[in-house]
Amino acid sequence: MNNVVIGILGSRLDHGGLGRRRLERWRPTVSLLMHPEFPIHEYLLLYLPEDEALLAVTLRDMAAVSPHTRVSCFPIPCDDAWDFEQVYSQIHGIAVSQTFDTEANNYFVNITTGTHVAQICLFLLAEAHYFPGKLLQSSPSKAGPQGTYHIIDLDLSRYDQIASRFAREASDAVAYLKGGIHTRNAAFNELITQLEQVSIKSVAPILLNGPTGAGKSQLAKRIFEIKKQRGLLAGKLVEVNCATLRGDNAMSALFGHVKGAFTGALNARTGLLREAHNGILFLDEIGELGLDEQAMLLRAIEEKTFMPFGGDQAVASDFQLIAGTHRDLFEQVRQKHFREDLLARINLWTYELPSLKNRMEDFEPNIDHELQAFTQKSGHKVSFNKAARAAYLAFAHQPEALWRANFRELNSSITRMATLAVGGRITENIVLGEILRLRKAWAGFQESTVQNTVLERYVSPQQCEAMDLFDQLQLGAVITLCESSRSMADAGRKLFNQSRDKKSSVNDSHRLKQYLQKFGLTFQEVQNIANN
């Protein structure tokens, strides 16, 4: 393969005095042609127009040193060689005008010469593959005018230490997006891994879809923190729940207003979009926005400008949008409640956050996470005893456990039990009380007329309908505990852990047996049904 070098004529280093002995001095552009082990077949030489006299001499010397090297010259016209924007624009224009054949040629970008600005531009264009080559840098040596050269490969995957560092940073970012919880759900892990890349590489809108309490707000905060840590934004995170915005208040809150825009507007208001300049705007429940606000938001996303309510002068704000919703926005479009053009604009990166019921393999890690969070806030450690943890987990996986508010409801449940824990231990009695509370809260949302769905496996619908709600909830809690107990004696000790200490004759198994018999059940029958 042929070697092709791309470089800039150096006004100082390539000068070399220009006397008759100039070929005896190290001059980067000419000296690079003096290495027989590194034949250069073509040299793309960039130069400033004021260096044309130097260029003429350099071209003659290059031809004398390496007659077989073909040299193509490209001027870099700019008013100020230290103006980064001008220099980059000119060199970028040269790069895109060329056709590079990487199968036939090896390309090298010589960053030895040129102003520091020009060298940085060459580096950036090589790193972005506009110049598809390796970096090359030369230096003088005592061996002669040819000097030495070093080739730098920008393929970071070739360097184990660098590659492992980036892999570690990516892994840390993924763990942070998941809140430090070691999730076991494959689909959720895949979603978070991709979202980590998008968070770092993209400034396009992100749409987080999922039920209430699935973690959309927390995820938006973590995306912001990751971008902030990487220095990708200078502004702040601005959050608003669109369900709280109505009428003039919606326009004013989002886009600001001028003084006197409406009755009561005694002073001008900046608005949330302007507050999010150079940062992130998180619009939770974006499906609740009115159509007028949606139209203005679309313009703000596309043009980075918008009109304050009541104003006649557009203002600018450059923000990244993260939108959250629990609604099906496509259905909202069909019902004319959501603008199709806005949906198309925010639908580039859409992520469906699964509900807690669809991530039950992550239930136990989230229990530990919630307990750690409570410990940090309260200043004292709280944990389950073994039997209480088993009973809570068994209940959580039952069909009757709706977890309607998802992780938010789990947080509330753990907080209640941890607050009631005496000595930092959540006992079976506390768990049973929490189960009763949750069953009562979910009772009105059961699809079946049977209020306690765990009973469906043990009693007939007719029997259940004849029972008071209190009996349904109590029997369901007792059965759940029996299912997770090793024996009837073990279940009895858990159920009567307080009252048994006050009785002169302790026979918890008999008390449990009598209770179950009231409903035509035996402990062994419960165990058999639970294990089938």
Protein backbone atom coordinates (compact mmCIF):
# COMPACT_ATOMS: atom_id res chain seq x y z
CA MET A 1 0.00 0.00 0.00
CA ASN A 2 1.12 3.56 -0.70
CA ASN A 3 1.90 6.03 2.08
CA VAL A 4 0.17 9.40 1.86
CA VAL A 5 1.02 12.25 4.26
CA ILE A 6 -1.17 15.28 5.00
CA GLY A 7 0.62 18.22 6.58
CA ILE A 8 0.99 22.00 6.87
CA LEU A 9 3.99 24.01 5.71
CA GLY A 10 5.71 25.42 8.78
CA SER A 11 6.58 29.10 8.47
CA ARG A 12 9.42 28.77 11.00
CA LEU A 13 10.49 25.11 11.17
CA ASP A 14 10.45 24.53 7.40
CA HIS A 15 12.45 27.71 6.78
CA GLY A 16 15.84 26.38 7.82
CA GLY A 17 17.61 29.54 6.74
CA LEU A 18 16.96 28.86 3.04
CA GLY A 19 20.70 29.00 2.36
CA ARG A 20 22.76 26.48 0.41
CA ARG A 21 23.19 24.35 3.53
CA ARG A 22 19.48 24.18 4.25
CA LEU A 23 19.35 20.48 3.26
CA GLU A 24 21.79 19.78 6.07
CA ARG A 25 19.32 21.10 8.63
CA TRP A 26 16.22 19.41 10.04
CA ARG A 27 13.18 20.83 8.27
CA PRO A 28 10.09 18.72 9.16
CA THR A 29 8.38 18.61 5.75
CA VAL A 30 11.53 17.95 3.72
CA SER A 31 13.25 15.75 6.34
CA LEU A 32 10.27 13.37 6.49
CA LEU A 33 11.12 12.35 2.90
CA MET A 34 14.63 11.24 3.92
CA HIS A 35 13.59 7.92 5.54
CA PRO A 36 14.05 5.02 3.06
CA GLU A 37 12.11 2.67 5.38
CA PHE A 38 9.13 5.03 5.14
CA PRO A 39 8.63 5.90 1.48
CA ILE A 40 6.07 8.62 0.92
CA HIS A 41 4.23 8.31 -2.39
CA GLU A 42 2.09 11.42 -2.04
CA TYR A 43 2.17 14.52 0.15
CA LEU A 44 -0.90 16.79 0.55
CA LEU A 45 0.73 20.02 1.64
CA LEU A 46 -1.41 22.80 3.13
CA TYR A 47 0.02 26.33 3.38
CA LEU A 48 -0.84 29.92 4.23
CA PRO A 49 -0.88 32.27 1.19
CA GLU A 50 1.79 34.53 2.76
CA ASP A 51 4.21 31.57 2.70
CA GLU A 52 4.19 31.11 -1.08
CA ALA A 53 7.92 32.02 -1.39
CA LEU A 54 8.80 29.42 1.24
CA LEU A 55 6.49 26.94 -0.51
CA ALA A 56 8.39 27.32 -3.82
CA VAL A 57 11.75 26.57 -2.17
CA THR A 58 10.29 23.68 -0.16
CA LEU A 59 8.77 22.06 -3.25
CA ARG A 60 12.16 22.18 -5.04
CA ASP A 61 13.86 20.58 -2.04
CA MET A 62 11.19 17.89 -1.71
CA ALA A 63 11.65 17.01 -5.38
CA ALA A 64 15.43 16.83 -4.92
CA VAL A 65 15.21 14.59 -1.84
CA SER A 66 12.40 12.31 -3.05
CA PRO A 67 11.70 12.60 -6.79
CA HIS A 68 9.07 9.84 -6.70
CA THR A 69 6.84 11.74 -4.19
CA ARG A 70 3.89 13.51 -5.76
CA VAL A 71 3.04 16.76 -3.95
CA SER A 72 -0.36 18.46 -4.07
CA CYS A 73 -0.66 21.96 -2.57
CA PHE A 74 -3.73 23.50 -0.90
CA PRO A 75 -3.87 27.13 0.29
CA ILE A 76 -5.53 27.99 3.61
CA PRO A 77 -6.81 31.55 3.05
CA CYS A 78 -7.79 33.25 6.32
CA ASP A 79 -7.47 36.72 7.78
CA ASP A 80 -6.11 35.47 11.08
CA ALA A 81 -4.10 32.23 11.35
CA TRP A 82 -5.01 32.11 15.06
CA ASP A 83 -8.77 32.33 14.46
CA PHE A 84 -9.89 28.80 15.27
CA GLU A 85 -13.21 29.01 13.40
CA GLN A 86 -11.62 30.33 10.21
CA VAL A 87 -8.74 27.83 10.19
CA TYR A 88 -10.96 24.87 10.99
CA SER A 89 -13.46 25.86 8.28
CA GLN A 90 -10.73 26.09 5.63
CA ILE A 91 -9.04 22.80 6.53
CA HIS A 92 -12.41 21.06 6.88
CA GLY A 93 -13.29 22.27 3.36
CA ILE A 94 -10.09 20.71 2.02
CA ALA A 95 -10.81 17.44 3.83
CA VAL A 96 -14.33 17.02 2.45
CA SER A 97 -13.20 17.91 -1.08
CA GLN A 98 -10.83 14.93 -1.23
CA THR A 99 -11.55 11.32 -2.03
CA PHE A 100 -9.57 9.03 0.27
CA ASP A 101 -8.96 5.43 -0.79
CA THR A 102 -8.14 3.64 2.46
CA GLU A 103 -7.89 0.26 0.73
CA ALA A 104 -5.06 1.41 -1.51
CA ASN A 105 -3.31 3.93 0.76
CA ASN A 106 -2.07 4.36 4.32
CA TYR A 107 -2.77 7.94 5.44
CA PHE A 108 -0.72 9.90 7.98
CA VAL A 109 -1.54 13.35 9.39
CA ASN A 110 1.64 15.28 10.19
CA ILE A 111 0.96 17.56 13.15
CA THR A 112 4.57 18.71 13.58
CA THR A 113 4.21 22.04 11.78
CA GLY A 114 1.73 24.89 11.61
CA THR A 115 0.35 27.11 14.35
CA HIS A 116 -1.06 25.44 17.46
CA VAL A 117 -4.53 26.28 16.15
CA ALA A 118 -3.82 24.52 12.84
CA GLN A 119 -2.36 21.50 14.65
CA ILE A 120 -5.47 21.23 16.82
CA CYS A 121 -7.65 21.43 13.71
CA LEU A 122 -5.69 18.64 12.05
CA PHE A 123 -6.03 16.51 15.17
CA LEU A 124 -9.79 17.05 15.42
CA LEU A 125 -10.34 16.27 11.74
CA ALA A 126 -8.23 13.12 12.02
CA GLU A 127 -10.05 12.03 15.18
CA ALA A 128 -13.39 12.55 13.40
CA HIS A 129 -12.07 10.59 10.36
CA TYR A 130 -12.36 13.48 7.91
CA PHE A 131 -8.68 12.69 7.39
CA PRO A 132 -8.75 8.88 7.73
CA GLY A 133 -5.21 8.42 9.00
CA LYS A 134 -2.87 8.01 11.93
CA LEU A 135 -1.16 10.98 13.51
CA LEU A 136 2.52 11.53 12.75
CA GLN A 137 4.98 13.77 14.55
CA SER A 138 8.68 14.28 13.78
CA SER A 139 11.55 15.79 15.73
CA PRO A 140 15.23 16.67 15.17
CA SER A 141 18.05 14.32 16.15
CA LYS A 142 21.85 14.29 16.25
CA ALA A 143 21.91 11.53 13.61
CA GLY A 144 21.37 13.95 10.75
CA PRO A 145 18.90 16.22 8.99
CA GLN A 146 16.32 13.46 8.59
CA GLY A 147 15.45 13.55 12.30
CA THR A 148 13.05 11.00 13.76
CA TYR A 149 9.32 10.42 13.43
CA HIS A 150 6.65 8.79 15.57
CA ILE A 151 3.29 7.40 14.45
CA ILE A 152 0.32 7.68 16.83
CA ASP A 153 -2.68 5.41 16.21
CA LEU A 154 -5.94 7.08 17.29
CA ASP A 155 -7.77 3.73 17.49
CA LEU A 156 -8.20 3.77 21.27
CA SER A 157 -9.49 0.19 21.27
CA ARG A 158 -5.90 -0.90 20.59
CA TYR A 159 -4.75 0.43 23.94
CA ASP A 160 -5.81 -1.85 26.77
CA GLN A 161 -5.46 0.69 29.56
CA ILE A 162 -7.42 3.38 27.72
CA ALA A 163 -10.04 0.92 26.49
CA SER A 164 -10.51 -0.48 30.00
CA ARG A 165 -10.84 3.05 31.38
CA PHE A 166 -13.62 3.91 28.93
CA ALA A 167 -15.29 0.57 29.61
CA ARG A 168 -15.14 1.26 33.34
CA GLU A 169 -16.56 4.77 32.90
CA ALA A 170 -19.38 3.39 30.75
CA SER A 171 -20.07 0.71 33.35
CA ASP A 172 -20.13 3.31 36.13
CA ALA A 173 -22.55 5.46 34.11
CA VAL A 174 -24.86 2.49 33.51
CA ALA A 175 -24.81 1.65 37.23
CA TYR A 176 -25.59 5.29 38.04
CA LEU A 177 -28.52 5.35 35.62
CA LYS A 178 -29.90 2.29 37.39
CA GLY A 179 -29.50 3.98 40.76
CA GLY A 180 -26.75 1.57 41.75
CA ILE A 181 -29.24 -1.32 41.76
CA HIS A 182 -27.95 -4.58 40.27
CA THR A 183 -30.98 -5.32 38.12
CA ARG A 184 -31.64 -8.81 36.79
CA ASN A 185 -34.12 -7.84 34.08
CA ALA A 186 -32.41 -8.33 30.70
CA ALA A 187 -34.66 -5.92 28.78
CA PHE A 188 -34.19 -3.14 31.34
CA ASN A 189 -30.42 -3.65 31.38
CA GLU A 190 -30.30 -3.39 27.59
CA LEU A 191 -32.41 -0.22 27.68
CA ILE A 192 -30.11 1.43 30.23
CA THR A 193 -26.94 0.45 28.35
CA GLN A 194 -28.19 2.13 25.19
CA LEU A 195 -29.49 5.14 27.10
CA GLU A 196 -26.01 5.65 28.58
CA GLN A 197 -24.55 6.01 25.08
CA VAL A 198 -27.35 8.30 23.92
CA SER A 199 -27.02 10.49 27.02
CA ILE A 200 -23.37 11.18 26.26
CA LYS A 201 -23.43 11.38 22.46
CA SER A 202 -26.77 13.02 21.66
CA VAL A 203 -28.50 16.31 22.42
CA ALA A 204 -31.72 15.24 20.67
CA PRO A 205 -34.99 14.91 22.66
CA ILE A 206 -35.46 11.76 24.75
CA LEU A 207 -38.93 10.34 25.43
CA LEU A 208 -39.40 8.20 28.55
CA ASN A 209 -42.63 6.23 28.45
CA GLY A 210 -43.90 4.25 31.39
CA PRO A 211 -46.51 4.00 34.13
CA THR A 212 -46.65 6.31 37.13
CA GLY A 213 -43.88 5.51 39.59
CA ALA A 214 -41.73 3.59 37.09
CA GLY A 215 -38.82 5.97 37.65
CA LYS A 216 -39.01 8.47 34.77
CA SER A 217 -38.19 11.48 36.93
CA GLN A 218 -35.27 9.76 38.66
CA LEU A 219 -33.89 8.62 35.32
CA ALA A 220 -34.06 12.15 33.91
CA LYS A 221 -32.12 13.43 36.94
CA ARG A 222 -29.44 10.81 36.46
CA ILE A 223 -29.09 11.59 32.74
CA PHE A 224 -28.55 15.22 33.70
CA GLU A 225 -25.90 14.32 36.30
CA ILE A 226 -23.98 12.13 33.84
CA LYS A 227 -23.93 14.88 31.21
CA LYS A 228 -22.91 17.40 33.84
CA GLN A 229 -20.05 15.20 35.09
CA ARG A 230 -18.76 14.85 31.53
CA GLY A 231 -18.87 18.62 31.01
CA LEU A 232 -21.51 18.29 28.28
CA LEU A 233 -23.74 21.08 29.59
CA ALA A 234 -23.37 24.22 31.64
CA GLY A 235 -26.99 24.88 32.57
CA LYS A 236 -29.29 23.29 35.11
CA LEU A 237 -32.05 20.69 35.16
CA VAL A 238 -35.50 22.27 35.07
CA GLU A 239 -38.42 19.97 35.88
CA VAL A 240 -42.16 20.49 35.52
CA ASN A 241 -45.17 18.20 35.62
CA CYS A 242 -47.32 19.31 32.69
CA ALA A 243 -50.45 17.98 34.44
CA THR A 244 -50.19 20.99 36.77
CA LEU A 245 -50.25 23.51 33.91
CA ARG A 246 -53.52 24.87 32.60
CA GLY A 247 -54.56 27.83 30.43
CA ASP A 248 -52.60 31.08 30.69
CA ASN A 249 -50.60 29.59 33.53
CA ALA A 250 -49.22 26.92 31.16
CA MET A 251 -48.03 29.48 28.61
CA SER A 252 -46.57 31.72 31.28
CA ALA A 253 -44.82 28.93 33.18
CA LEU A 254 -43.20 27.43 30.09
CA PHE A 255 -42.49 30.41 27.87
CA GLY A 256 -42.63 33.32 30.28
CA HIS A 257 -44.72 36.45 29.83
CA VAL A 258 -44.26 40.16 29.46
CA LYS A 259 -45.62 42.64 31.95
CA GLY A 260 -49.35 43.16 31.46
CA ALA A 261 -49.80 40.08 29.26
CA PHE A 262 -52.92 39.16 31.23
CA THR A 263 -54.81 40.24 34.32
CA GLY A 264 -52.48 39.93 37.29
CA ALA A 265 -49.27 39.94 35.23
CA LEU A 266 -47.75 42.81 37.17
CA ASN A 267 -44.18 41.78 36.36
CA ALA A 268 -42.43 39.99 33.51
CA ARG A 269 -41.65 36.27 33.95
CA THR A 270 -38.66 34.42 32.46
CA GLY A 271 -40.29 31.02 31.97
CA LEU A 272 -38.94 27.49 32.39
CA LEU A 273 -37.57 27.16 28.85
CA ARG A 274 -35.23 30.09 29.35
CA GLU A 275 -34.21 28.79 32.77
CA ALA A 276 -33.15 25.55 31.06
CA HIS A 277 -30.77 27.35 28.65
CA ASN A 278 -27.63 25.21 28.13
CA GLY A 279 -29.20 22.57 30.35
CA ILE A 280 -32.03 20.04 30.33
CA LEU A 281 -35.78 20.63 30.42
CA PHE A 282 -37.72 17.65 31.79
CA LEU A 283 -41.40 17.82 30.91
CA ASP A 284 -43.12 15.03 32.80
CA GLU A 285 -46.55 13.99 31.53
CA ILE A 286 -46.03 15.91 28.29
CA GLY A 287 -49.27 14.39 26.99
CA GLU A 288 -51.18 16.74 29.32
CA LEU A 289 -50.00 19.86 27.47
CA GLY A 290 -52.58 21.80 25.46
CA LEU A 291 -52.31 21.96 21.66
CA ASP A 292 -51.25 25.64 21.69
CA GLU A 293 -48.41 24.93 24.11
CA GLN A 294 -47.40 21.93 22.00
CA ALA A 295 -47.11 24.12 18.89
CA MET A 296 -44.90 26.63 20.69
CA LEU A 297 -42.79 23.86 22.20
CA LEU A 298 -42.19 22.36 18.74
CA ARG A 299 -40.81 25.68 17.50
CA ALA A 300 -38.64 26.02 20.59
CA ILE A 301 -37.15 22.55 20.01
CA GLU A 302 -36.51 23.05 16.31
CA GLU A 303 -35.46 26.72 16.18
CA LYS A 304 -34.25 27.27 19.75
CA THR A 305 -36.44 30.40 19.86
CA PHE A 306 -39.96 31.12 21.08
CA MET A 307 -42.29 34.00 21.88
CA PRO A 308 -43.07 34.86 25.53
CA PHE A 309 -46.79 35.05 26.26
CA GLY A 310 -48.03 38.50 25.28
CA GLY A 311 -44.70 39.50 23.74
CA ASP A 312 -43.69 40.43 20.19
CA GLN A 313 -39.96 39.73 20.42
CA ALA A 314 -38.63 36.17 20.16
CA VAL A 315 -36.17 34.97 22.81
CA ALA A 316 -33.63 32.14 22.55
CA SER A 317 -32.92 29.10 24.69
CA ASP A 318 -30.71 26.16 23.77
CA PHE A 319 -31.84 23.21 25.88
CA GLN A 320 -32.16 19.44 25.57
CA LEU A 321 -35.66 18.09 26.12
CA ILE A 322 -36.45 14.97 28.10
CA ALA A 323 -40.16 14.20 28.02
CA GLY A 324 -42.04 11.73 30.20
CA THR A 325 -45.50 10.26 29.78
CA HIS A 326 -47.64 7.34 30.91
CA ARG A 327 -50.00 7.81 27.96
CA ASP A 328 -49.90 6.21 24.51
CA LEU A 329 -49.03 9.34 22.53
CA PHE A 330 -49.82 7.67 19.21
CA GLU A 331 -53.35 7.06 20.46
CA GLN A 332 -53.41 10.68 21.64
CA VAL A 333 -52.49 11.75 18.10
CA ARG A 334 -55.34 9.66 16.67
CA GLN A 335 -57.74 11.33 19.09
CA LYS A 336 -56.42 14.79 18.10
CA HIS A 337 -55.13 15.44 21.61
CA PHE A 338 -51.45 15.50 20.66
CA ARG A 339 -49.70 17.04 17.65
CA GLU A 340 -48.30 14.50 15.23
CA ASP A 341 -45.40 16.77 14.22
CA LEU A 342 -44.34 17.21 17.86
CA LEU A 343 -44.47 13.47 18.46
CA ALA A 344 -42.32 12.89 15.37
CA ARG A 345 -39.79 15.39 16.74
CA ILE A 346 -39.51 13.90 20.24
CA ASN A 347 -39.75 10.27 19.15
CA LEU A 348 -36.11 9.91 18.01
CA TRP A 349 -35.02 8.21 21.24
CA THR A 350 -37.99 6.58 22.96
CA TYR A 351 -37.62 4.23 25.92
CA GLU A 352 -40.38 2.15 27.51
CA LEU A 353 -39.77 1.84 31.24
CA PRO A 354 -41.27 -1.42 32.52
CA SER A 355 -43.58 -1.47 35.51
CA LEU A 356 -42.60 -3.13 38.77
CA LYS A 357 -44.91 -6.06 37.93
CA ASN A 358 -42.88 -6.60 34.74
CA ARG A 359 -39.59 -6.47 36.66
CA MET A 360 -40.34 -8.77 39.56
CA GLU A 361 -36.87 -10.32 39.33
CA ASP A 362 -35.67 -6.86 40.43
CA PHE A 363 -38.01 -6.68 43.41
CA GLU A 364 -35.55 -8.03 45.97
CA PRO A 365 -32.59 -5.81 44.86
CA ASN A 366 -34.94 -2.83 45.08
CA ILE A 367 -35.91 -3.78 48.64
CA ASP A 368 -32.23 -3.62 49.58
CA HIS A 369 -31.87 -0.32 47.75
CA GLU A 370 -34.83 1.21 49.59
CA LEU A 371 -33.54 -0.01 52.94
CA GLN A 372 -30.12 1.55 52.24
CA ALA A 373 -31.79 4.82 51.26
CA PHE A 374 -33.85 4.80 54.47
CA THR A 375 -30.72 4.07 56.52
CA GLN A 376 -28.92 7.04 54.99
CA LYS A 377 -31.82 9.39 55.70
CA SER A 378 -32.64 8.17 59.21
CA GLY A 379 -29.10 7.57 60.40
CA HIS A 380 -29.76 4.05 61.70
CA LYS A 381 -29.69 0.68 59.97
CA VAL A 382 -32.93 -1.19 59.34
CA SER A 383 -33.31 -4.75 58.01
CA PHE A 384 -35.82 -7.62 57.85
CA ASN A 385 -35.54 -10.72 59.93
CA LYS A 386 -35.37 -13.81 57.76
CA ALA A 387 -38.99 -14.94 58.18
CA ALA A 388 -40.39 -11.43 57.67
CA ARG A 389 -38.39 -10.99 54.46
CA ALA A 390 -39.61 -14.34 53.14
CA ALA A 391 -43.24 -13.46 53.92
CA TYR A 392 -42.97 -10.04 52.26
CA LEU A 393 -41.35 -11.48 49.13
CA ALA A 394 -43.94 -14.24 48.91
CA PHE A 395 -46.76 -11.70 49.11
CA ALA A 396 -45.11 -9.33 46.63
CA HIS A 397 -45.08 -12.00 43.93
CA GLN A 398 -48.74 -12.94 44.36
CA PRO A 399 -51.18 -11.98 41.54
CA GLU A 400 -53.13 -9.89 44.04
CA ALA A 401 -50.10 -7.63 44.63
CA LEU A 402 -50.92 -4.93 42.08
CA TRP A 403 -48.11 -2.44 42.84
CA ARG A 404 -50.16 0.17 41.03
CA ALA A 405 -47.76 3.01 41.81
CA ASN A 406 -44.79 0.79 40.99
CA PHE A 407 -41.46 1.69 42.62
CA ARG A 408 -43.01 4.70 44.31
CA GLU A 409 -45.41 2.37 46.11
CA LEU A 410 -42.57 0.01 47.03
CA ASN A 411 -40.69 2.98 48.49
CA SER A 412 -43.71 3.94 50.60
CA SER A 413 -44.19 0.36 51.77
CA ILE A 414 -40.56 -0.05 52.87
CA THR A 415 -40.60 3.38 54.53
CA ARG A 416 -43.66 2.48 56.60
CA MET A 417 -42.21 -0.83 57.78
CA ALA A 418 -38.75 0.64 58.47
CA THR A 419 -40.30 3.46 60.52
CA LEU A 420 -42.24 0.96 62.67
CA ALA A 421 -39.22 -1.33 63.12
CA VAL A 422 -38.18 -1.47 66.78
CA GLY A 423 -34.44 -1.93 67.20
CA GLY A 424 -33.93 -1.73 63.46
CA ARG A 425 -35.63 -5.10 62.74
CA ILE A 426 -38.70 -5.53 60.52
CA THR A 427 -40.60 -8.48 62.00
CA GLU A 428 -43.29 -10.81 60.67
CA ASN A 429 -45.91 -8.86 62.61
CA ILE A 430 -44.92 -5.61 60.88
CA VAL A 431 -44.99 -7.37 57.49
CA LEU A 432 -48.45 -8.79 58.15
CA GLY A 433 -49.72 -5.34 59.06
CA GLU A 434 -48.25 -3.91 55.86
CA ILE A 435 -49.80 -6.70 53.79
CA LEU A 436 -53.21 -5.90 55.25
CA ARG A 437 -52.70 -2.22 54.48
CA LEU A 438 -51.72 -2.91 50.86
CA ARG A 439 -54.59 -5.35 50.32
CA LYS A 440 -57.06 -2.80 51.59
CA ALA A 441 -55.57 -0.13 49.33
CA TRP A 442 -55.77 -2.38 46.27
CA ALA A 443 -59.15 -3.95 47.05
CA GLY A 444 -61.13 -1.47 44.95
CA PHE A 445 -58.91 -2.08 41.90
CA GLN A 446 -59.29 -5.85 41.72
CA GLU A 447 -60.78 -6.94 38.41
CA SER A 448 -62.64 -9.81 40.07
CA THR A 449 -65.51 -9.37 42.52
CA VAL A 450 -63.38 -11.50 44.82
CA GLN A 451 -61.52 -8.84 46.80
CA ASN A 452 -58.58 -11.05 47.79
CA THR A 453 -57.32 -12.98 44.78
CA VAL A 454 -55.04 -15.23 46.83
CA LEU A 455 -58.22 -16.82 48.23
CA GLU A 456 -59.31 -17.98 44.78
CA ARG A 457 -56.97 -20.95 45.08
CA TYR A 458 -58.39 -22.04 48.44
CA VAL A 459 -62.09 -21.14 48.71
CA SER A 460 -64.92 -20.87 46.21
CA PRO A 461 -66.15 -17.48 44.94
CA GLN A 462 -69.45 -18.11 46.76
CA GLN A 463 -67.64 -18.65 50.07
CA CYS A 464 -65.54 -15.55 49.52
CA GLU A 465 -68.52 -13.34 48.71
CA ALA A 466 -70.18 -14.50 51.95
CA MET A 467 -67.17 -13.32 53.97
CA ASP A 468 -66.63 -9.82 55.34
CA LEU A 469 -63.81 -7.86 53.70
CA PHE A 470 -61.99 -7.99 57.03
CA ASP A 471 -62.10 -11.79 57.02
CA GLN A 472 -60.95 -11.90 53.38
CA LEU A 473 -57.93 -9.70 54.12
CA GLN A 474 -57.06 -11.50 57.34
CA LEU A 475 -57.39 -15.00 55.88
CA GLY A 476 -55.36 -13.99 52.83
CA ALA A 477 -52.54 -12.71 55.05
CA VAL A 478 -52.58 -15.89 57.16
CA ILE A 479 -52.49 -18.10 54.06
CA THR A 480 -49.59 -16.09 52.58
CA LEU A 481 -47.57 -16.63 55.75
CA CYS A 482 -48.47 -20.32 55.88
CA GLU A 483 -47.27 -20.73 52.29
CA SER A 484 -43.81 -19.46 53.23
CA SER A 485 -43.49 -21.36 56.55
CA ARG A 486 -41.71 -24.68 57.10
CA SER A 487 -44.36 -26.16 59.42
CA MET A 488 -47.59 -25.36 61.22
CA ALA A 489 -45.61 -24.72 64.42
CA ASP A 490 -43.34 -22.30 62.56
CA ALA A 491 -46.36 -20.46 61.13
CA GLY A 492 -48.02 -20.37 64.57
CA ARG A 493 -44.95 -18.81 66.21
CA LYS A 494 -44.91 -16.04 63.57
CA LEU A 495 -48.64 -15.35 63.78
CA PHE A 496 -48.91 -15.26 67.58
CA ASN A 497 -45.47 -13.88 68.40
CA GLN A 498 -46.85 -11.30 70.87
CA SER A 499 -49.89 -12.94 72.45
CA ARG A 500 -48.11 -16.28 73.00
CA ASP A 501 -45.90 -14.68 75.67
CA LYS A 502 -49.01 -13.76 77.71
CA LYS A 503 -50.63 -17.24 77.66
CA SER A 504 -50.00 -19.80 80.37
CA SER A 505 -50.39 -22.65 77.88
CA VAL A 506 -48.66 -22.12 74.54
CA ASN A 507 -50.11 -24.11 71.63
CA ASP A 508 -49.76 -21.92 68.55
CA SER A 509 -50.25 -24.84 66.16
CA HIS A 510 -53.63 -25.62 67.68
CA ARG A 511 -54.74 -21.98 67.47
CA LEU A 512 -53.75 -21.85 63.77
CA LYS A 513 -55.45 -25.19 63.12
CA GLN A 514 -58.69 -23.96 64.65
CA TYR A 515 -58.57 -20.72 62.65
CA LEU A 516 -58.11 -22.51 59.33
CA GLN A 517 -60.86 -25.01 60.16
CA LYS A 518 -63.34 -22.11 60.36
CA PHE A 519 -62.92 -21.80 56.58
CA GLY A 520 -62.71 -25.51 55.82
CA LEU A 521 -58.91 -25.48 55.39
CA THR A 522 -55.93 -27.33 56.85
CA PHE A 523 -52.29 -26.28 56.98
CA GLN A 524 -51.25 -29.30 54.89
CA GLU A 525 -53.82 -28.40 52.25
CA VAL A 526 -52.41 -24.87 52.02
CA GLN A 527 -48.89 -26.27 51.66
CA ASN A 528 -49.98 -28.72 48.95
CA ILE A 529 -51.78 -26.07 46.89
CA ALA A 530 -48.89 -23.61 47.29
CA ASN A 531 -46.37 -26.18 46.03
CA ASN A 532 -48.41 -27.20 42.97
